[in-house]
Protein backbone atom coordinates (compact mmCIF):
# COMPACT_ATOMS: atom_id res chain seq x y z
CA MET A 1 49.15 2.18 8.47
CA MET A 2 47.11 0.20 11.14
CA ALA A 3 45.37 3.26 12.27
CA GLN A 4 44.39 3.93 8.69
CA CYS A 5 43.10 0.44 8.29
CA THR A 6 41.01 0.76 11.41
CA GLY A 7 39.49 3.87 10.36
CA LEU A 8 38.56 2.79 7.10
CA ALA A 9 36.93 -0.32 8.47
CA LEU A 10 34.89 1.80 10.93
CA LEU A 11 33.98 4.25 8.06
CA LEU A 12 32.73 1.06 6.28
CA LEU A 13 30.75 -0.26 8.99
CA LEU A 14 29.20 3.05 9.82
CA SER A 15 28.08 3.70 6.25
CA GLY A 16 26.51 0.12 6.08
CA HIS A 17 24.73 0.69 9.02
CA ALA A 18 23.28 3.85 8.15
CA ALA A 19 22.14 2.42 4.74
CA ALA A 20 20.74 -0.28 6.40
CA GLU A 21 18.29 1.64 8.55
CA TYR A 22 16.70 3.36 5.34
CA ASP A 23 12.87 2.55 5.16
CA PRO A 24 11.21 3.60 1.95
CA TRP A 25 8.03 2.75 3.57
CA GLN A 26 8.68 5.69 5.95
CA HIS A 27 8.11 7.97 2.73
CA TYR A 28 5.12 6.19 1.18
CA ASP A 29 2.49 8.37 1.78
CA LYS A 30 4.47 11.41 0.67
CA THR A 31 5.52 9.30 -2.43
CA LEU A 32 1.99 8.83 -3.18
CA LYS A 33 1.16 12.60 -3.26
CA THR A 34 3.84 13.27 -5.59
CA LEU A 35 2.57 10.90 -8.36
CA PRO A 36 -0.32 11.43 -10.89
CA LYS A 37 -3.71 10.49 -9.46
CA ASP A 38 -4.30 7.57 -11.42
CA ALA A 39 -0.74 6.16 -10.94
CA ALA A 40 -1.09 6.60 -7.10
CA ALA A 41 -4.65 5.03 -6.93
CA VAL A 42 -3.30 1.79 -8.76
CA LEU A 43 -0.11 1.72 -6.66
CA ASP A 44 -1.91 2.04 -3.56
CA ARG A 45 -4.28 -0.64 -4.65
CA GLY A 46 -1.40 -3.00 -5.77
CA VAL A 47 0.35 -2.57 -2.44
CA THR A 48 -2.85 -3.06 -0.37
CA CYS A 49 -3.59 -6.55 -2.48
CA ASN A 50 -0.09 -7.62 -1.73
CA HIS A 51 -0.62 -6.77 2.05
CA LEU A 52 -4.05 -8.78 1.98
CA ALA A 53 -2.77 -11.59 -0.03
CA GLY A 54 0.12 -12.20 2.41
CA GLU A 55 -2.53 -12.45 5.43
CA PHE A 56 -4.00 -15.48 3.59
CA ASN A 57 -3.85 -18.39 6.01
CA GLY A 58 -5.40 -20.95 3.39
CA ASP A 59 -7.56 -22.48 5.90
CA GLY A 60 -10.95 -21.41 4.82
CA SER A 61 -11.42 -19.64 7.77
CA GLU A 62 -13.95 -16.48 8.38
CA ALA A 63 -10.85 -14.39 8.11
CA ASP A 64 -9.81 -15.82 5.00
CA LYS A 65 -13.37 -15.31 3.38
CA LYS A 66 -13.42 -11.72 4.54
CA ARG A 67 -9.84 -11.28 2.92
CA ASN A 68 -11.20 -12.91 -0.18
CA ARG A 69 -13.93 -10.39 -0.25
CA GLU A 70 -11.61 -7.51 0.16
CA LEU A 71 -9.36 -8.73 -2.57
CA THR A 72 -12.32 -9.16 -4.69
CA LYS A 73 -13.51 -5.68 -3.97
CA LEU A 74 -10.34 -4.35 -4.82
CA ARG A 75 -10.15 -6.04 -8.00
CA CYS A 76 -6.70 -7.75 -7.07
CA ASP A 77 -7.01 -9.86 -10.10
CA THR A 78 -6.30 -7.05 -12.55
CA VAL A 79 -3.71 -5.27 -10.46
CA ASP A 80 -0.86 -6.45 -12.38
CA SER A 81 -2.36 -5.51 -15.76
CA ASP A 82 -3.40 -2.06 -14.29
CA ILE A 83 0.28 -1.48 -13.02
CA SER A 84 1.35 -2.26 -16.68
CA ARG A 85 -0.85 0.04 -18.05
CA ILE A 86 0.69 2.67 -15.66
CA LYS A 87 3.97 1.80 -16.21
CA THR A 88 3.55 2.12 -20.16
CA ARG A 89 1.69 5.56 -19.68
CA TYR A 90 4.31 7.07 -17.42
CA LYS A 91 7.31 5.36 -18.94
CA SER A 92 8.80 8.95 -19.41
CA GLN A 93 8.41 9.80 -15.69
CA PRO A 94 11.00 8.21 -13.63
CA LYS A 95 9.48 8.82 -10.05
CA VAL A 96 6.50 6.95 -11.21
CA LEU A 97 8.35 3.85 -12.39
CA GLN A 98 10.69 3.89 -9.25
CA ALA A 99 7.79 4.15 -6.78
CA ILE A 100 6.27 1.01 -8.72
CA ARG A 101 9.73 -0.73 -8.29
CA THR A 102 10.06 0.32 -4.67
CA TYR A 103 6.83 -0.27 -3.42
CA TYR A 104 5.08 -2.76 -5.65
CA GLU A 105 7.74 -5.03 -7.31
CA GLU A 106 10.17 -5.30 -4.42
């Protein structure tokens, strides 16, 4: 009985470890290529906007000014509504919706 419990515990630990190593970002470029072009473009823009927004220091530095110009150029102020439009357009395509959930909403 003890050997069975130990084996089960080991199996649970190993399966949890394997699941923890999965990184969806390793498949990001490949995933984009499987999406309709407009969906891929909006998703990629949203991901880039999220990334740039996360690099803001809020100190008014030259780096912040540069990021702000990039955010404006990418139209990051409209990306949420653009993502919503794509979700509506492709509501019957689970791979589009899953990609948005994985890379933009999480």
